[in-house]
Amino acid sequence: MSRGVKAAAGLLFAIYAAAMLYLLFFRLRNDALFELALSEGGYWELVRGFVNLTPFDTIGRFLYVLRTREGYFAAHAFINLAGNVALFVPLGVFLPLLFRKMRSFWRFFLLCALAIALIEASQALLLRGSADVDDLILNLAGASIGFPFGLLAVKLRDTGEKKT
């Protein structure tokens, strides 16, 4: 890959990563709830309340809300489901484009699964969101959707370099 293309892809990936860190960890937190939990020794109870380890529980509830078209809640459900997929599609594009070892789907998939699981656990422990196995499922789906586009970008880039 030419230096310019690699630098541009690397810069775009850095911007994407910074935006994701902000969305995942630096949005507003209910500090009053956090302070109350710490002062009353209820931190672990609060964390436990932000953990869902039942696969397809949240997805099922959101799909039910979408099916019944419950106004505001339907919009929230759609944004949650679609957003958890869409936000990770670029990861599937950037990793194989920038890192040769990430062109193996299973290596890519395992790295993404580990990274997303760590993100989910960190969100719950820092009280910056929930640790939801359904987020892991949706995020992995998004990254997996992006993966073939990353491979296509590699192929197009390599084809373009051979012509010059």
Foldseek 3Di string as FASTA:
>chain_A
DDPVVLVVLVVVVVVLVVVVCCLLFVDDFPVVVVVVCVVVVNLVVQLVVQEAPDPCPLVVVLVVCCVVVPDPSVVVSCCVLVVLQQSQLVVLQSPVQNPVVCLPPVVVLVVLLVVVQVSQSVCSNVVNGGNYVHSSVNNSNNSVNNNVVNVVVNVVVVVVVVVD
